[in-house]
Amino acid sequence: MENTNTLWLSMSDKAIIAVIGNYIKHQRLNQNKTQAKIAEIAGINRWTMSQIENGEPISLISLVQILRALDLLNVFDVFKIQTQISPLELAKLEKQKRQRASSENSADNQNTSEW
């Protein structure tokens, strides 16, 4: 399996921008939408759409607007910070889970036992 992190590390900033532009263009064409239509939905100039698709840098806010217009904001999921529980903490939590159910009147049942 190829280490994708190494792939990104070996690329120049310009090459990474070109990859992002190709991705946007590919997604736009899959949705059968023109640059002008996405630009209108995103509230940006068509020229900005052309710039990113041609591998030219654009502002981060424009990128967010384009991805929103393409309904692709899920690409930002990798930026979510999620807390991870250590295996020891997980084991402690598992140990604290109930193992058995008791009747609601367990104390009363013990006092009225016929034994």
N, C-alpha and C. Protein backbone atom coordinates (compact mmCIF):
# COMPACT_ATOMS: atom_id res chain seq x y z
N MET A 1 0.84 -1.18 0.00
CA MET A 1 0.00 0.00 0.00
C MET A 1 0.89 1.24 0.00
N GLU A 2 0.55 2.18 -0.86
CA GLU A 2 1.36 3.39 -1.00
C GLU A 2 1.06 4.38 0.12
N ASN A 3 2.09 4.99 0.64
CA ASN A 3 1.92 6.01 1.67
C ASN A 3 1.56 7.32 0.99
N THR A 4 0.29 7.72 1.08
CA THR A 4 -0.17 8.92 0.39
C THR A 4 0.43 10.17 0.99
N ASN A 5 0.80 10.13 2.27
CA ASN A 5 1.43 11.29 2.89
C ASN A 5 2.75 11.61 2.21
N THR A 6 3.51 10.59 1.86
CA THR A 6 4.77 10.79 1.16
C THR A 6 4.53 11.43 -0.20
N LEU A 7 3.46 11.00 -0.86
CA LEU A 7 3.10 11.57 -2.16
C LEU A 7 2.88 13.08 -2.05
N TRP A 8 2.09 13.49 -1.07
CA TRP A 8 1.81 14.91 -0.90
C TRP A 8 3.08 15.67 -0.51
N LEU A 9 3.91 15.07 0.33
CA LEU A 9 5.13 15.73 0.77
C LEU A 9 6.10 15.97 -0.38
N SER A 10 6.10 15.09 -1.35
CA SER A 10 7.04 15.23 -2.46
C SER A 10 6.56 16.22 -3.51
N MET A 11 5.32 16.69 -3.39
CA MET A 11 4.75 17.62 -4.37
C MET A 11 5.03 19.07 -3.97
N SER A 12 5.20 19.92 -4.98
CA SER A 12 5.33 21.35 -4.71
C SER A 12 3.96 21.93 -4.40
N ASP A 13 3.95 23.13 -3.84
CA ASP A 13 2.68 23.80 -3.55
C ASP A 13 1.87 23.98 -4.83
N LYS A 14 2.53 24.36 -5.89
CA LYS A 14 1.86 24.57 -7.18
C LYS A 14 1.23 23.27 -7.68
N ALA A 15 1.93 22.15 -7.50
CA ALA A 15 1.40 20.85 -7.93
C ALA A 15 0.18 20.46 -7.11
N ILE A 16 0.21 20.75 -5.82
CA ILE A 16 -0.94 20.44 -4.96
C ILE A 16 -2.14 21.27 -5.38
N ILE A 17 -1.93 22.54 -5.67
CA ILE A 17 -3.03 23.40 -6.14
C ILE A 17 -3.59 22.86 -7.45
N ALA A 18 -2.72 22.35 -8.32
CA ALA A 18 -3.18 21.78 -9.60
C ALA A 18 -4.05 20.54 -9.34
N VAL A 19 -3.67 19.71 -8.38
CA VAL A 19 -4.46 18.52 -8.04
C VAL A 19 -5.84 18.95 -7.53
N ILE A 20 -5.87 19.96 -6.68
CA ILE A 20 -7.15 20.47 -6.15
C ILE A 20 -8.01 20.99 -7.30
N GLY A 21 -7.39 21.74 -8.20
CA GLY A 21 -8.12 22.27 -9.36
C GLY A 21 -8.68 21.17 -10.24
N ASN A 22 -7.88 20.13 -10.48
CA ASN A 22 -8.37 18.99 -11.27
C ASN A 22 -9.53 18.29 -10.58
N TYR A 23 -9.45 18.16 -9.27
CA TYR A 23 -10.54 17.55 -8.50
C TYR A 23 -11.83 18.36 -8.65
N ILE A 24 -11.72 19.67 -8.50
CA ILE A 24 -12.89 20.53 -8.63
C ILE A 24 -13.48 20.43 -10.02
N LYS A 25 -12.63 20.47 -11.03
CA LYS A 25 -13.11 20.38 -12.41
C LYS A 25 -13.80 19.03 -12.65
N HIS A 26 -13.19 17.96 -12.19
CA HIS A 26 -13.76 16.62 -12.34
C HIS A 26 -15.14 16.54 -11.69
N GLN A 27 -15.25 17.05 -10.47
CA GLN A 27 -16.53 17.01 -9.75
C GLN A 27 -17.58 17.88 -10.43
N ARG A 28 -17.16 19.03 -10.91
CA ARG A 28 -18.10 19.92 -11.61
C ARG A 28 -18.64 19.26 -12.87
N LEU A 29 -17.75 18.64 -13.64
CA LEU A 29 -18.19 17.98 -14.87
C LEU A 29 -19.06 16.76 -14.56
N ASN A 30 -18.76 16.03 -13.49
CA ASN A 30 -19.61 14.91 -13.09
C ASN A 30 -21.02 15.37 -12.75
N GLN A 31 -21.12 16.58 -12.21
CA GLN A 31 -22.43 17.14 -11.88
C GLN A 31 -23.06 17.85 -13.07
N ASN A 32 -22.35 17.85 -14.20
CA ASN A 32 -22.83 18.46 -15.44
C ASN A 32 -23.21 19.93 -15.24
N LYS A 33 -22.31 20.67 -14.59
CA LYS A 33 -22.53 22.09 -14.35
C LYS A 33 -21.41 22.89 -14.99
N THR A 34 -21.75 24.06 -15.46
CA THR A 34 -20.75 24.93 -16.08
C THR A 34 -19.99 25.70 -15.01
N GLN A 35 -18.85 26.24 -15.40
CA GLN A 35 -18.10 27.10 -14.49
C GLN A 35 -18.96 28.29 -14.07
N ALA A 36 -19.69 28.84 -15.03
CA ALA A 36 -20.53 30.01 -14.74
C ALA A 36 -21.61 29.67 -13.71
N LYS A 37 -22.20 28.48 -13.81
CA LYS A 37 -23.26 28.09 -12.88
C LYS A 37 -22.70 27.91 -11.47
N ILE A 38 -21.56 27.22 -11.35
CA ILE A 38 -20.95 27.04 -10.02
C ILE A 38 -20.52 28.38 -9.46
N ALA A 39 -19.95 29.24 -10.29
CA ALA A 39 -19.52 30.57 -9.84
C ALA A 39 -20.71 31.36 -9.33
N GLU A 40 -21.84 31.26 -10.02
CA GLU A 40 -23.05 31.98 -9.60
C GLU A 40 -23.54 31.45 -8.25
N ILE A 41 -23.60 30.15 -8.11
CA ILE A 41 -24.05 29.54 -6.85
C ILE A 41 -23.10 29.91 -5.71
N ALA A 42 -21.80 29.90 -6.00
CA ALA A 42 -20.78 30.19 -4.99
C ALA A 42 -20.66 31.67 -4.68
N GLY A 43 -21.16 32.51 -5.55
CA GLY A 43 -21.05 33.95 -5.33
C GLY A 43 -19.67 34.49 -5.66
N ILE A 44 -19.03 33.88 -6.64
CA ILE A 44 -17.69 34.30 -7.07
C ILE A 44 -17.71 34.57 -8.57
N ASN A 45 -16.62 35.09 -9.09
CA ASN A 45 -16.51 35.31 -10.54
C ASN A 45 -16.20 34.00 -11.24
N ARG A 46 -16.64 33.88 -12.49
CA ARG A 46 -16.31 32.71 -13.28
C ARG A 46 -14.80 32.62 -13.47
N TRP A 47 -14.14 33.78 -13.51
CA TRP A 47 -12.70 33.83 -13.67
C TRP A 47 -12.01 33.08 -12.51
N THR A 48 -12.56 33.20 -11.30
CA THR A 48 -11.99 32.50 -10.15
C THR A 48 -12.12 31.00 -10.33
N MET A 49 -13.25 30.55 -10.86
CA MET A 49 -13.44 29.11 -11.15
C MET A 49 -12.40 28.65 -12.16
N SER A 50 -12.20 29.45 -13.18
CA SER A 50 -11.22 29.13 -14.21
C SER A 50 -9.82 29.06 -13.62
N GLN A 51 -9.52 30.00 -12.73
CA GLN A 51 -8.19 30.05 -12.11
C GLN A 51 -7.88 28.75 -11.36
N ILE A 52 -8.79 28.31 -10.49
CA ILE A 52 -8.50 27.11 -9.69
C ILE A 52 -8.43 25.88 -10.57
N GLU A 53 -9.30 25.80 -11.57
CA GLU A 53 -9.29 24.63 -12.45
C GLU A 53 -8.04 24.58 -13.32
N ASN A 54 -7.41 25.72 -13.52
CA ASN A 54 -6.17 25.78 -14.29
C ASN A 54 -4.93 25.71 -13.40
N GLY A 55 -5.13 25.43 -12.12
CA GLY A 55 -3.99 25.24 -11.21
C GLY A 55 -3.42 26.52 -10.65
N GLU A 56 -4.18 27.59 -10.72
CA GLU A 56 -3.73 28.87 -10.16
C GLU A 56 -4.28 29.02 -8.74
N PRO A 57 -3.55 29.68 -7.87
CA PRO A 57 -4.01 29.83 -6.49
C PRO A 57 -5.21 30.78 -6.38
N ILE A 58 -6.10 30.45 -5.46
CA ILE A 58 -7.24 31.31 -5.14
C ILE A 58 -7.29 31.42 -3.63
N SER A 59 -8.17 32.28 -3.13
CA SER A 59 -8.26 32.44 -1.68
C SER A 59 -8.96 31.23 -1.06
N LEU A 60 -8.69 31.00 0.19
CA LEU A 60 -9.31 29.90 0.91
C LEU A 60 -10.82 30.06 0.98
N ILE A 61 -11.29 31.28 1.15
CA ILE A 61 -12.73 31.51 1.22
C ILE A 61 -13.39 31.16 -0.10
N SER A 62 -12.72 31.45 -1.22
CA SER A 62 -13.26 31.09 -2.53
C SER A 62 -13.33 29.57 -2.68
N LEU A 63 -12.31 28.89 -2.19
CA LEU A 63 -12.31 27.43 -2.24
C LEU A 63 -13.48 26.86 -1.45
N VAL A 64 -13.72 27.39 -0.28
CA VAL A 64 -14.84 26.93 0.54
C VAL A 64 -16.16 27.19 -0.18
N GLN A 65 -16.29 28.36 -0.79
CA GLN A 65 -17.52 28.69 -1.52
C GLN A 65 -17.74 27.74 -2.70
N ILE A 66 -16.69 27.41 -3.40
CA ILE A 66 -16.79 26.49 -4.54
C ILE A 66 -17.19 25.10 -4.07
N LEU A 67 -16.52 24.62 -3.02
CA LEU A 67 -16.85 23.29 -2.50
C LEU A 67 -18.28 23.25 -1.97
N ARG A 68 -18.74 24.34 -1.37
CA ARG A 68 -20.13 24.40 -0.90
C ARG A 68 -21.09 24.33 -2.09
N ALA A 69 -20.78 25.06 -3.15
CA ALA A 69 -21.63 25.06 -4.35
C ALA A 69 -21.68 23.69 -5.00
N LEU A 70 -20.59 22.94 -4.89
CA LEU A 70 -20.53 21.59 -5.45
C LEU A 70 -21.03 20.53 -4.46
N ASP A 71 -21.44 20.97 -3.27
CA ASP A 71 -21.89 20.08 -2.20
C ASP A 71 -20.77 19.08 -1.83
N LEU A 72 -19.57 19.61 -1.67
CA LEU A 72 -18.40 18.78 -1.37
C LEU A 72 -17.70 19.20 -0.09
N LEU A 73 -18.40 19.83 0.82
CA LEU A 73 -17.77 20.27 2.06
C LEU A 73 -17.28 19.10 2.91
N ASN A 74 -17.73 17.89 2.58
CA ASN A 74 -17.29 16.72 3.34
C ASN A 74 -15.78 16.49 3.21
N VAL A 75 -15.12 17.10 2.24
CA VAL A 75 -13.67 16.94 2.12
C VAL A 75 -12.95 17.52 3.34
N PHE A 76 -13.62 18.38 4.07
CA PHE A 76 -13.02 18.98 5.26
C PHE A 76 -13.14 18.09 6.49
N ASP A 77 -13.75 16.92 6.34
CA ASP A 77 -13.89 16.00 7.48
C ASP A 77 -12.53 15.60 8.05
N VAL A 78 -11.51 15.60 7.24
CA VAL A 78 -10.18 15.20 7.73
C VAL A 78 -9.63 16.20 8.74
N PHE A 79 -10.21 17.40 8.80
CA PHE A 79 -9.73 18.42 9.72
C PHE A 79 -10.41 18.34 11.09
N LYS A 80 -11.42 17.48 11.24
CA LYS A 80 -12.11 17.35 12.51
C LYS A 80 -11.18 16.72 13.54
N ILE A 81 -11.19 17.28 14.71
CA ILE A 81 -10.39 16.73 15.81
C ILE A 81 -11.30 15.84 16.64
N GLN A 82 -10.93 14.60 16.74
CA GLN A 82 -11.72 13.66 17.52
C GLN A 82 -10.85 13.12 18.65
N THR A 83 -11.43 13.13 19.82
CA THR A 83 -10.68 12.59 20.95
C THR A 83 -10.68 11.07 20.87
N GLN A 84 -9.55 10.51 21.19
CA GLN A 84 -9.43 9.07 21.16
C GLN A 84 -9.22 8.56 22.58
N ILE A 85 -9.89 7.49 22.88
CA ILE A 85 -9.77 6.89 24.21
C ILE A 85 -8.65 5.86 24.15
N SER A 86 -7.79 5.92 25.13
CA SER A 86 -6.68 4.96 25.19
C SER A 86 -7.26 3.57 25.47
N PRO A 87 -6.55 2.53 25.10
CA PRO A 87 -7.03 1.17 25.39
C PRO A 87 -7.28 0.93 26.87
N LEU A 88 -6.47 1.53 27.74
CA LEU A 88 -6.68 1.36 29.18
C LEU A 88 -7.98 2.01 29.63
N GLU A 89 -8.25 3.22 29.14
CA GLU A 89 -9.49 3.91 29.49
C GLU A 89 -10.69 3.14 28.96
N LEU A 90 -10.57 2.60 27.75
CA LEU A 90 -11.66 1.82 27.16
C LEU A 90 -11.93 0.58 28.01
N ALA A 91 -10.89 -0.07 28.47
CA ALA A 91 -11.05 -1.25 29.32
C ALA A 91 -11.73 -0.88 30.64
N LYS A 92 -11.36 0.26 31.22
CA LYS A 92 -12.00 0.71 32.46
C LYS A 92 -13.48 0.99 32.24
N LEU A 93 -13.82 1.63 31.12
CA LEU A 93 -15.23 1.91 30.81
C LEU A 93 -16.01 0.63 30.60
N GLU A 94 -15.40 -0.34 29.94
CA GLU A 94 -16.07 -1.62 29.72
C GLU A 94 -16.32 -2.33 31.04
N LYS A 95 -15.38 -2.22 31.96
CA LYS A 95 -15.50 -2.87 33.26
C LYS A 95 -16.64 -2.25 34.07
N GLN A 96 -16.90 -0.97 33.87
CA GLN A 96 -17.94 -0.27 34.63
C GLN A 96 -19.35 -0.55 34.10
N LYS A 97 -19.45 -1.14 32.91
CA LYS A 97 -20.78 -1.42 32.36
C LYS A 97 -21.49 -2.45 33.21
N ARG A 98 -22.80 -2.33 33.27
CA ARG A 98 -23.61 -3.29 34.02
C ARG A 98 -23.52 -4.65 33.37
N GLN A 99 -23.44 -5.67 34.17
CA GLN A 99 -23.38 -7.03 33.68
C GLN A 99 -24.71 -7.75 33.84
N ARG A 100 -25.51 -7.31 34.81
CA ARG A 100 -26.79 -7.96 35.08
C ARG A 100 -27.83 -6.90 35.39
N ALA A 101 -29.07 -7.29 35.16
CA ALA A 101 -30.19 -6.43 35.53
C ALA A 101 -30.74 -6.91 36.86
N SER A 102 -31.25 -5.99 37.63
CA SER A 102 -31.87 -6.37 38.90
C SER A 102 -33.32 -5.92 38.87
N SER A 103 -34.13 -6.59 39.62
CA SER A 103 -35.54 -6.18 39.66
C SER A 103 -35.65 -4.85 40.37
N GLU A 104 -36.75 -4.15 40.11
CA GLU A 104 -36.93 -2.81 40.70
C GLU A 104 -37.04 -2.88 42.21
N ASN A 105 -37.61 -3.93 42.72
CA ASN A 105 -37.82 -4.07 44.16
C ASN A 105 -36.90 -5.14 44.73
N SER A 106 -35.67 -5.11 44.37
CA SER A 106 -34.75 -6.17 44.81
C SER A 106 -34.62 -6.20 46.34
N ALA A 107 -34.65 -5.06 46.99
CA ALA A 107 -34.54 -5.04 48.45
C ALA A 107 -35.81 -5.63 49.07
N ASP A 108 -36.98 -5.30 48.52
CA ASP A 108 -38.24 -5.84 49.02
C ASP A 108 -38.31 -7.34 48.80
N ASN A 109 -37.82 -7.80 47.66
CA ASN A 109 -37.88 -9.22 47.35
C ASN A 109 -37.04 -10.04 48.33
N GLN A 110 -35.93 -9.48 48.79
CA GLN A 110 -35.08 -10.20 49.73
C GLN A 110 -35.76 -10.32 51.10
N ASN A 111 -36.52 -9.29 51.50
CA ASN A 111 -37.17 -9.31 52.80
C ASN A 111 -38.39 -10.22 52.82
N THR A 112 -39.05 -10.41 51.69
CA THR A 112 -40.27 -11.19 51.69
C THR A 112 -40.04 -12.59 51.16
N SER A 113 -38.83 -13.02 51.11
CA SER A 113 -38.53 -14.35 50.60
C SER A 113 -39.09 -15.41 51.56
N GLU A 114 -39.55 -16.52 51.01
CA GLU A 114 -40.12 -17.59 51.83
C GLU A 114 -39.05 -18.52 52.34
N TRP A 115 -37.87 -18.32 52.07
CA TRP A 115 -36.80 -19.19 52.54
C TRP A 115 -36.54 -18.94 53.94
